[in-house]
Amino acid sequence: MTMPFYVSPEQVMQDRADYARKGIARGRSLVALEYAGGVAIVAENPSRTLFKISEIYDHIAFAGVGKYNEFEMLKLAGIRHADLKGYTYSREDVTARSLANAYAQTLGQVFTHEMKPYEVEILVASVSVDPALPSELFHLLYDGTVMDKHGFTVLGGEAEAITTAMEEAYADGLELSGALKTAIKALGAPDNREIAADQLEAAILDREAGTRAIGRRSFRRLVGDELSALLV
């Protein structure tokens, strides 16, 4: 009788992690950073219709890198989760922390029990309407690991080189224009290139917009002439 083929649990987990990292590394990176008026999220993305950055709820944004169909599915699940919780309880009960925890459970479950892990890294970001309270940046890895970041975070395959560039250039209290320029320069740092505005996707969580009487939404995309003007 032949013996069944055995692979240690440690090797299985290592193989899944290597597979996920290779998939993520094939995509373009993304930077999220705090600025004086909220949170800016910038990604290299030449597509005009397939977005890496999206709104989840009033003051909460979602961003993903890696396999598009997988982080798009996670985004839609997050929107449904937030809408249901806000309707059942109150809008104030929908927080970035609770969404990050829900995503962590999903990613961890898939990584541990499914044959193929998700090839994604995701970001859940929120801005407080109270300037005295900090913004929140939750960076989630393919295995469900949650990292609570302050100042900035980098997602994607070239994260190490981009993080080094961000550490050298980032400072608290940047204005929006300075924050965008810092992020874009860091995204191009690994191979010393300049990224044109039409190759970028950018959005912000605007603290001031979230405090206005009309609407509660802080999320806004930066496109066209507005983005070009900020980069001059």
C-alpha atoms as a PDB file:
ATOM      1  CA  MET A   1       0.000   0.000   0.000  1.00  0.00           C
ATOM      2  CA  THR A   2       1.384   3.413  -0.933  1.00  0.00           C
ATOM      3  CA  MET A   3       1.708   6.010   1.796  1.00  0.00           C
ATOM      4  CA  PRO A   4      -0.265   9.243   1.325  1.00  0.00           C
ATOM      5  CA  PHE A   5       1.791  12.263   0.312  1.00  0.00           C
ATOM      6  CA  TYR A   6       2.511  14.438   3.368  1.00  0.00           C
ATOM      7  CA  VAL A   7       3.253  18.159   3.504  1.00  0.00           C
ATOM      8  CA  SER A   8       3.781  19.824   6.862  1.00  0.00           C
ATOM      9  CA  PRO A   9       1.320  22.583   7.870  1.00  0.00           C
ATOM     10  CA  GLU A  10       4.225  25.027   8.073  1.00  0.00           C
ATOM     11  CA  GLN A  11       5.175  24.308   4.462  1.00  0.00           C
ATOM     12  CA  VAL A  12       1.568  24.661   3.296  1.00  0.00           C
ATOM     13  CA  MET A  13       1.272  28.084   4.930  1.00  0.00           C
ATOM     14  CA  GLN A  14       4.634  29.169   3.519  1.00  0.00           C
ATOM     15  CA  ASP A  15       3.670  28.086   0.010  1.00  0.00           C
ATOM     16  CA  ARG A  16       0.364  29.968   0.227  1.00  0.00           C
ATOM     17  CA  ALA A  17       2.118  33.108   1.477  1.00  0.00           C
ATOM     18  CA  ASP A  18       4.699  32.936  -1.338  1.00  0.00           C
ATOM     19  CA  TYR A  19       1.933  32.461  -3.900  1.00  0.00           C
ATOM     20  CA  ALA A  20      -0.010  35.468  -2.607  1.00  0.00           C
ATOM     21  CA  ARG A  21       3.052  37.719  -2.455  1.00  0.00           C
ATOM     22  CA  LYS A  22       4.043  36.865  -6.030  1.00  0.00           C
ATOM     23  CA  GLY A  23       0.565  37.716  -7.263  1.00  0.00           C
ATOM     24  CA  ILE A  24       0.529  41.036  -5.412  1.00  0.00           C
ATOM     25  CA  ALA A  25       4.020  41.926  -6.661  1.00  0.00           C
ATOM     26  CA  ARG A  26       2.823  41.827 -10.269  1.00  0.00           C
ATOM     27  CA  GLY A  27       0.519  44.814  -9.650  1.00  0.00           C
ATOM     28  CA  ARG A  28       1.267  48.482  -9.212  1.00  0.00           C
ATOM     29  CA  SER A  29       1.634  49.995  -5.756  1.00  0.00           C
ATOM     30  CA  LEU A  30      -0.519  52.423  -3.784  1.00  0.00           C
ATOM     31  CA  VAL A  31       0.202  55.055  -1.123  1.00  0.00           C
ATOM     32  CA  ALA A  32      -2.161  56.453   1.498  1.00  0.00           C
ATOM     33  CA  LEU A  33      -1.095  59.356   3.697  1.00  0.00           C
ATOM     34  CA  GLU A  34      -2.518  61.838   6.126  1.00  0.00           C
ATOM     35  CA  TYR A  35      -2.431  65.528   5.215  1.00  0.00           C
ATOM     36  CA  ALA A  36      -3.646  68.671   6.974  1.00  0.00           C
ATOM     37  CA  GLY A  37      -7.220  68.312   5.718  1.00  0.00           C
ATOM     38  CA  GLY A  38      -7.740  64.564   5.859  1.00  0.00           C
ATOM     39  CA  VAL A  39      -6.395  61.488   4.048  1.00  0.00           C
ATOM     40  CA  ALA A  40      -5.060  61.242   0.483  1.00  0.00           C
ATOM     41  CA  ILE A  41      -4.831  57.955  -1.422  1.00  0.00           C
ATOM     42  CA  VAL A  42      -2.774  57.740  -4.618  1.00  0.00           C
ATOM     43  CA  ALA A  43      -2.259  54.746  -6.913  1.00  0.00           C
ATOM     44  CA  GLU A  44      -0.580  54.179 -10.230  1.00  0.00           C
ATOM     45  CA  ASN A  45      -3.502  53.128 -12.396  1.00  0.00           C
ATOM     46  CA  PRO A  46      -3.762  53.887 -16.138  1.00  0.00           C
ATOM     47  CA  SER A  47      -7.338  52.563 -16.330  1.00  0.00           C
ATOM     48  CA  ARG A  48     -10.128  55.163 -16.327  1.00  0.00           C
ATOM     49  CA  THR A  49     -12.875  52.702 -15.397  1.00  0.00           C
ATOM     50  CA  LEU A  50     -11.355  50.031 -13.128  1.00  0.00           C
ATOM     51  CA  PHE A  51     -10.795  51.743  -9.792  1.00  0.00           C
ATOM     52  CA  LYS A  52      -8.461  50.697  -6.999  1.00  0.00           C
ATOM     53  CA  ILE A  53      -9.826  53.374  -4.644  1.00  0.00           C
ATOM     54  CA  SER A  54     -13.486  53.601  -3.664  1.00  0.00           C
ATOM     55  CA  GLU A  55     -15.887  54.927  -1.075  1.00  0.00           C
ATOM     56  CA  ILE A  56     -17.270  52.511   1.514  1.00  0.00           C
ATOM     57  CA  TYR A  57     -19.310  54.788   3.780  1.00  0.00           C
ATOM     58  CA  ASP A  58     -19.610  58.393   4.984  1.00  0.00           C
ATOM     59  CA  HIS A  59     -16.013  58.938   6.124  1.00  0.00           C
ATOM     60  CA  ILE A  60     -14.513  55.606   5.099  1.00  0.00           C
ATOM     61  CA  ALA A  61     -12.562  54.676   1.970  1.00  0.00           C
ATOM     62  CA  PHE A  62     -11.349  51.362   0.595  1.00  0.00           C
ATOM     63  CA  ALA A  63      -8.325  50.690  -1.598  1.00  0.00           C
ATOM     64  CA  GLY A  64      -6.785  47.492  -2.906  1.00  0.00           C
ATOM     65  CA  VAL A  65      -3.809  46.191  -4.852  1.00  0.00           C
ATOM     66  CA  GLY A  66      -3.264  42.800  -6.417  1.00  0.00           C
ATOM     67  CA  LYS A  67      -5.897  40.775  -8.231  1.00  0.00           C
ATOM     68  CA  TYR A  68      -8.676  43.149  -9.266  1.00  0.00           C
ATOM     69  CA  ASN A  69     -11.638  40.773  -9.142  1.00  0.00           C
ATOM     70  CA  GLU A  70     -10.717  39.682  -5.612  1.00  0.00           C
ATOM     71  CA  PHE A  71     -10.386  43.118  -4.025  1.00  0.00           C
ATOM     72  CA  GLU A  72     -13.459  44.309  -5.938  1.00  0.00           C
ATOM     73  CA  MET A  73     -15.430  41.468  -4.353  1.00  0.00           C
ATOM     74  CA  LEU A  74     -14.105  42.470  -0.924  1.00  0.00           C
ATOM     75  CA  LYS A  75     -15.078  46.084  -1.568  1.00  0.00           C
ATOM     76  CA  LEU A  76     -18.663  45.166  -2.419  1.00  0.00           C
ATOM     77  CA  ALA A  77     -18.901  42.948   0.669  1.00  0.00           C
ATOM     78  CA  GLY A  78     -17.673  45.876   2.784  1.00  0.00           C
ATOM     79  CA  ILE A  79     -20.282  48.218   1.333  1.00  0.00           C
ATOM     80  CA  ARG A  80     -23.051  45.738   2.104  1.00  0.00           C
ATOM     81  CA  HIS A  81     -21.704  45.207   5.631  1.00  0.00           C
ATOM     82  CA  ALA A  82     -21.536  48.964   6.285  1.00  0.00           C
ATOM     83  CA  ASP A  83     -24.993  49.682   4.848  1.00  0.00           C
ATOM     84  CA  LEU A  84     -26.620  46.910   6.868  1.00  0.00           C
ATOM     85  CA  LYS A  85     -24.938  47.939  10.108  1.00  0.00           C
ATOM     86  CA  GLY A  86     -25.751  51.623   9.587  1.00  0.00           C
ATOM     87  CA  TYR A  87     -29.384  50.818   8.830  1.00  0.00           C
ATOM     88  CA  THR A  88     -29.795  48.357  11.701  1.00  0.00           C
ATOM     89  CA  TYR A  89     -28.104  50.475  14.364  1.00  0.00           C
ATOM     90  CA  SER A  90     -26.850  53.961  13.478  1.00  0.00           C
ATOM     91  CA  ARG A  91     -24.453  55.520  11.003  1.00  0.00           C
ATOM     92  CA  GLU A  92     -22.022  56.305  13.827  1.00  0.00           C
ATOM     93  CA  ASP A  93     -21.667  52.585  14.537  1.00  0.00           C
ATOM     94  CA  VAL A  94     -20.014  52.019  11.153  1.00  0.00           C
ATOM     95  CA  THR A  95     -16.290  52.451  11.784  1.00  0.00           C
ATOM     96  CA  ALA A  96     -13.095  51.698   9.912  1.00  0.00           C
ATOM     97  CA  ARG A  97     -11.976  49.485  12.785  1.00  0.00           C
ATOM     98  CA  SER A  98     -15.062  47.245  12.577  1.00  0.00           C
ATOM     99  CA  LEU A  99     -14.726  46.967   8.797  1.00  0.00           C
ATOM    100  CA  ALA A 100     -11.019  46.131   9.103  1.00  0.00           C
ATOM    101  CA  ASN A 101     -11.819  43.405  11.616  1.00  0.00           C
ATOM    102  CA  ALA A 102     -14.484  41.936   9.312  1.00  0.00           C
ATOM    103  CA  TYR A 103     -12.054  41.939   6.386  1.00  0.00           C
ATOM    104  CA  ALA A 104      -9.362  40.340   8.561  1.00  0.00           C
ATOM    105  CA  GLN A 105     -11.682  37.461   9.429  1.00  0.00           C
ATOM    106  CA  THR A 106     -12.553  36.877   5.767  1.00  0.00           C
ATOM    107  CA  LEU A 107      -8.958  37.007   4.553  1.00  0.00           C
ATOM    108  CA  GLY A 108      -7.723  34.830   7.397  1.00  0.00           C
ATOM    109  CA  GLN A 109     -10.417  32.232   6.794  1.00  0.00           C
ATOM    110  CA  VAL A 110      -9.635  32.024   3.079  1.00  0.00           C
ATOM    111  CA  PHE A 111      -5.869  31.877   3.676  1.00  0.00           C
ATOM    112  CA  THR A 112      -6.172  29.083   6.243  1.00  0.00           C
ATOM    113  CA  HIS A 113      -8.866  26.886   4.741  1.00  0.00           C
ATOM    114  CA  GLU A 114      -8.980  27.448   0.972  1.00  0.00           C
ATOM    115  CA  MET A 115      -6.591  25.987  -1.566  1.00  0.00           C
ATOM    116  CA  LYS A 116      -5.734  29.402  -3.050  1.00  0.00           C
ATOM    117  CA  PRO A 117      -5.364  32.543  -0.916  1.00  0.00           C
ATOM    118  CA  TYR A 118      -6.512  35.955  -2.071  1.00  0.00           C
ATOM    119  CA  GLU A 119      -3.755  37.766  -3.945  1.00  0.00           C
ATOM    120  CA  VAL A 120      -4.570  41.148  -2.422  1.00  0.00           C
ATOM    121  CA  GLU A 121      -3.574  43.764   0.088  1.00  0.00           C
ATOM    122  CA  ILE A 122      -6.280  46.206   1.127  1.00  0.00           C
ATOM    123  CA  LEU A 123      -6.609  49.497   2.950  1.00  0.00           C
ATOM    124  CA  VAL A 124      -9.489  50.740   5.072  1.00  0.00           C
ATOM    125  CA  ALA A 125      -9.094  54.451   5.837  1.00  0.00           C
ATOM    126  CA  SER A 126     -11.275  56.922   7.698  1.00  0.00           C
ATOM    127  CA  VAL A 127     -11.147  60.590   8.592  1.00  0.00           C
ATOM    128  CA  SER A 128     -12.650  62.115  11.711  1.00  0.00           C
ATOM    129  CA  VAL A 129     -14.738  65.257  11.415  1.00  0.00           C
ATOM    130  CA  ASP A 130     -13.077  66.373  14.664  1.00  0.00           C
ATOM    131  CA  PRO A 131      -9.571  67.712  13.878  1.00  0.00           C
ATOM    132  CA  ALA A 132      -8.467  66.727  17.377  1.00  0.00           C
ATOM    133  CA  LEU A 133      -9.038  63.039  16.599  1.00  0.00           C
ATOM    134  CA  PRO A 134      -6.556  61.188  14.373  1.00  0.00           C
ATOM    135  CA  SER A 135      -7.377  59.639  11.031  1.00  0.00           C
ATOM    136  CA  GLU A 136      -7.239  55.856  10.780  1.00  0.00           C
ATOM    137  CA  LEU A 137      -5.294  53.769   8.270  1.00  0.00           C
ATOM    138  CA  PHE A 138      -5.752  50.001   8.505  1.00  0.00           C
ATOM    139  CA  HIS A 139      -3.484  48.012   6.180  1.00  0.00           C
ATOM    140  CA  LEU A 140      -4.549  44.372   5.744  1.00  0.00           C
ATOM    141  CA  LEU A 141      -2.408  41.633   4.267  1.00  0.00           C
ATOM    142  CA  TYR A 142      -3.476  38.584   2.256  1.00  0.00           C
ATOM    143  CA  ASP A 143      -3.520  36.379   5.388  1.00  0.00           C
ATOM    144  CA  GLY A 144      -5.761  38.650   7.458  1.00  0.00           C
ATOM    145  CA  THR A 145      -2.980  40.427   9.353  1.00  0.00           C
ATOM    146  CA  VAL A 146      -4.119  43.953  10.339  1.00  0.00           C
ATOM    147  CA  MET A 147      -1.654  46.805  10.761  1.00  0.00           C
ATOM    148  CA  ASP A 148      -2.757  50.104  12.263  1.00  0.00           C
ATOM    149  CA  LYS A 149      -0.651  52.702  10.459  1.00  0.00           C
ATOM    150  CA  HIS A 150       0.028  56.316  11.363  1.00  0.00           C
ATOM    151  CA  GLY A 151       1.085  59.028   8.930  1.00  0.00           C
ATOM    152  CA  PHE A 152       1.247  56.882   5.813  1.00  0.00           C
ATOM    153  CA  THR A 153       1.184  53.328   4.520  1.00  0.00           C
ATOM    154  CA  VAL A 154       2.240  51.638   1.287  1.00  0.00           C
ATOM    155  CA  LEU A 155       0.524  48.682  -0.397  1.00  0.00           C
ATOM    156  CA  GLY A 156       1.866  46.558  -3.206  1.00  0.00           C
ATOM    157  CA  GLY A 157       4.848  44.678  -4.516  1.00  0.00           C
ATOM    158  CA  GLU A 158       7.443  47.456  -4.320  1.00  0.00           C
ATOM    159  CA  ALA A 159       6.366  48.557  -0.857  1.00  0.00           C
ATOM    160  CA  GLU A 160       9.840  48.410   0.701  1.00  0.00           C
ATOM    161  CA  ALA A 161      11.476  50.857  -1.711  1.00  0.00           C
ATOM    162  CA  ILE A 162       8.453  53.167  -1.718  1.00  0.00           C
ATOM    163  CA  THR A 163       8.269  53.125   2.083  1.00  0.00           C
ATOM    164  CA  THR A 164      11.928  54.178   2.259  1.00  0.00           C
ATOM    165  CA  ALA A 165      11.200  57.105  -0.066  1.00  0.00           C
ATOM    166  CA  MET A 166       8.149  58.084   1.985  1.00  0.00           C
ATOM    167  CA  GLU A 167      10.091  57.978   5.246  1.00  0.00           C
ATOM    168  CA  GLU A 168      12.585  60.445   3.788  1.00  0.00           C
ATOM    169  CA  ALA A 169       9.995  62.866   2.395  1.00  0.00           C
ATOM    170  CA  TYR A 170       6.880  62.639   4.569  1.00  0.00           C
ATOM    171  CA  ALA A 171       6.134  65.231   7.243  1.00  0.00           C
ATOM    172  CA  ASP A 172       3.102  65.901   9.412  1.00  0.00           C
ATOM    173  CA  GLY A 173       0.799  68.734   8.367  1.00  0.00           C
ATOM    174  CA  LEU A 174       1.378  68.636   4.613  1.00  0.00           C
ATOM    175  CA  GLU A 175      -1.091  70.510   2.447  1.00  0.00           C
ATOM    176  CA  LEU A 176      -2.930  68.471  -0.169  1.00  0.00           C
ATOM    177  CA  SER A 177      -0.697  69.505  -3.061  1.00  0.00           C
ATOM    178  CA  GLY A 178       2.457  68.646  -1.126  1.00  0.00           C
ATOM    179  CA  ALA A 179       1.017  65.331   0.028  1.00  0.00           C
ATOM    180  CA  LEU A 180       0.139  64.298  -3.540  1.00  0.00           C
ATOM    181  CA  LYS A 181       3.565  65.258  -4.861  1.00  0.00           C
ATOM    182  CA  THR A 182       5.262  63.338  -2.047  1.00  0.00           C
ATOM    183  CA  ALA A 183       3.211  60.209  -2.750  1.00  0.00           C
ATOM    184  CA  ILE A 184       3.735  60.352  -6.519  1.00  0.00           C
ATOM    185  CA  LYS A 185       7.479  60.868  -6.193  1.00  0.00           C
ATOM    186  CA  ALA A 186       7.667  57.879  -3.838  1.00  0.00           C
ATOM    187  CA  LEU A 187       5.648  55.682  -6.245  1.00  0.00           C
ATOM    188  CA  GLY A 188       8.217  56.393  -8.957  1.00  0.00           C
ATOM    189  CA  ALA A 189      11.224  55.973  -6.661  1.00  0.00           C
ATOM    190  CA  PRO A 190      11.926  52.233  -7.223  1.00  0.00           C
ATOM    191  CA  ASP A 191      12.905  52.800 -10.863  1.00  0.00           C
ATOM    192  CA  ASN A 192      13.548  56.573 -10.780  1.00  0.00           C
ATOM    193  CA  ARG A 193      10.726  57.637 -13.074  1.00  0.00           C
ATOM    194  CA  GLU A 194       8.125  60.369 -13.150  1.00  0.00           C
ATOM    195  CA  ILE A 195       4.482  59.275 -13.260  1.00  0.00           C
ATOM    196  CA  ALA A 196       2.179  61.458 -15.369  1.00  0.00           C
ATOM    197  CA  ALA A 197      -1.166  62.634 -14.035  1.00  0.00           C
ATOM    198  CA  ASP A 198      -3.065  60.552 -16.607  1.00  0.00           C
ATOM    199  CA  GLN A 199      -1.431  57.407 -15.175  1.00  0.00           C
ATOM    200  CA  LEU A 200      -2.684  58.114 -11.663  1.00  0.00           C
ATOM    201  CA  GLU A 201      -5.775  57.463  -9.621  1.00  0.00           C
ATOM    202  CA  ALA A 202      -6.192  59.786  -6.652  1.00  0.00           C
ATOM    203  CA  ALA A 203      -8.884  60.410  -4.065  1.00  0.00           C
ATOM    204  CA  ILE A 204      -9.221  62.111  -0.701  1.00  0.00           C
ATOM    205  CA  LEU A 205     -11.214  61.878   2.481  1.00  0.00           C
ATOM    206  CA  ASP A 206     -11.879  65.573   3.081  1.00  0.00           C
ATOM    207  CA  ARG A 207     -12.450  66.400   6.751  1.00  0.00           C
ATOM    208  CA  GLU A 208     -14.088  69.738   5.964  1.00  0.00           C
ATOM    209  CA  ALA A 209     -16.566  68.168   3.531  1.00  0.00           C
ATOM    210  CA  GLY A 210     -17.650  65.726   6.215  1.00  0.00           C
ATOM    211  CA  THR A 211     -18.608  68.555   8.568  1.00  0.00           C
ATOM    212  CA  ARG A 212     -20.891  70.399   6.146  1.00  0.00           C
ATOM    213  CA  ALA A 213     -24.612  70.361   6.754  1.00  0.00           C
ATOM    214  CA  ILE A 214     -25.372  69.099   3.232  1.00  0.00           C
ATOM    215  CA  GLY A 215     -24.427  65.454   3.151  1.00  0.00           C
ATOM    216  CA  ARG A 216     -22.032  63.466   5.290  1.00  0.00           C
ATOM    217  CA  ARG A 217     -19.707  62.227   2.578  1.00  0.00           C
ATOM    218  CA  SER A 218     -15.994  62.947   2.837  1.00  0.00           C
ATOM    219  CA  PHE A 219     -14.814  60.919  -0.185  1.00  0.00           C
ATOM    220  CA  ARG A 220     -13.924  62.735  -3.393  1.00  0.00           C
ATOM    221  CA  ARG A 221     -11.976  61.691  -6.473  1.00  0.00           C
ATOM    222  CA  LEU A 222      -9.329  64.005  -7.901  1.00  0.00           C
ATOM    223  CA  VAL A 223      -9.447  63.915 -11.689  1.00  0.00           C
ATOM    224  CA  GLY A 224      -8.620  65.949 -14.765  1.00  0.00           C
ATOM    225  CA  ASP A 225      -7.754  69.607 -14.370  1.00  0.00           C
ATOM    226  CA  GLU A 226      -8.176  69.560 -10.597  1.00  0.00           C
ATOM    227  CA  LEU A 227      -5.522  66.864 -10.174  1.00  0.00           C
ATOM    228  CA  SER A 228      -3.190  68.488 -12.716  1.00  0.00           C
ATOM    229  CA  ALA A 229      -3.450  71.840 -10.943  1.00  0.00           C
ATOM    230  CA  LEU A 230      -2.533  70.269  -7.602  1.00  0.00           C
ATOM    231  CA  LEU A 231       0.584  68.738  -9.126  1.00  0.00           C
ATOM    232  CA  VAL A 232       1.965  71.940 -10.624  1.00  0.00           C
END
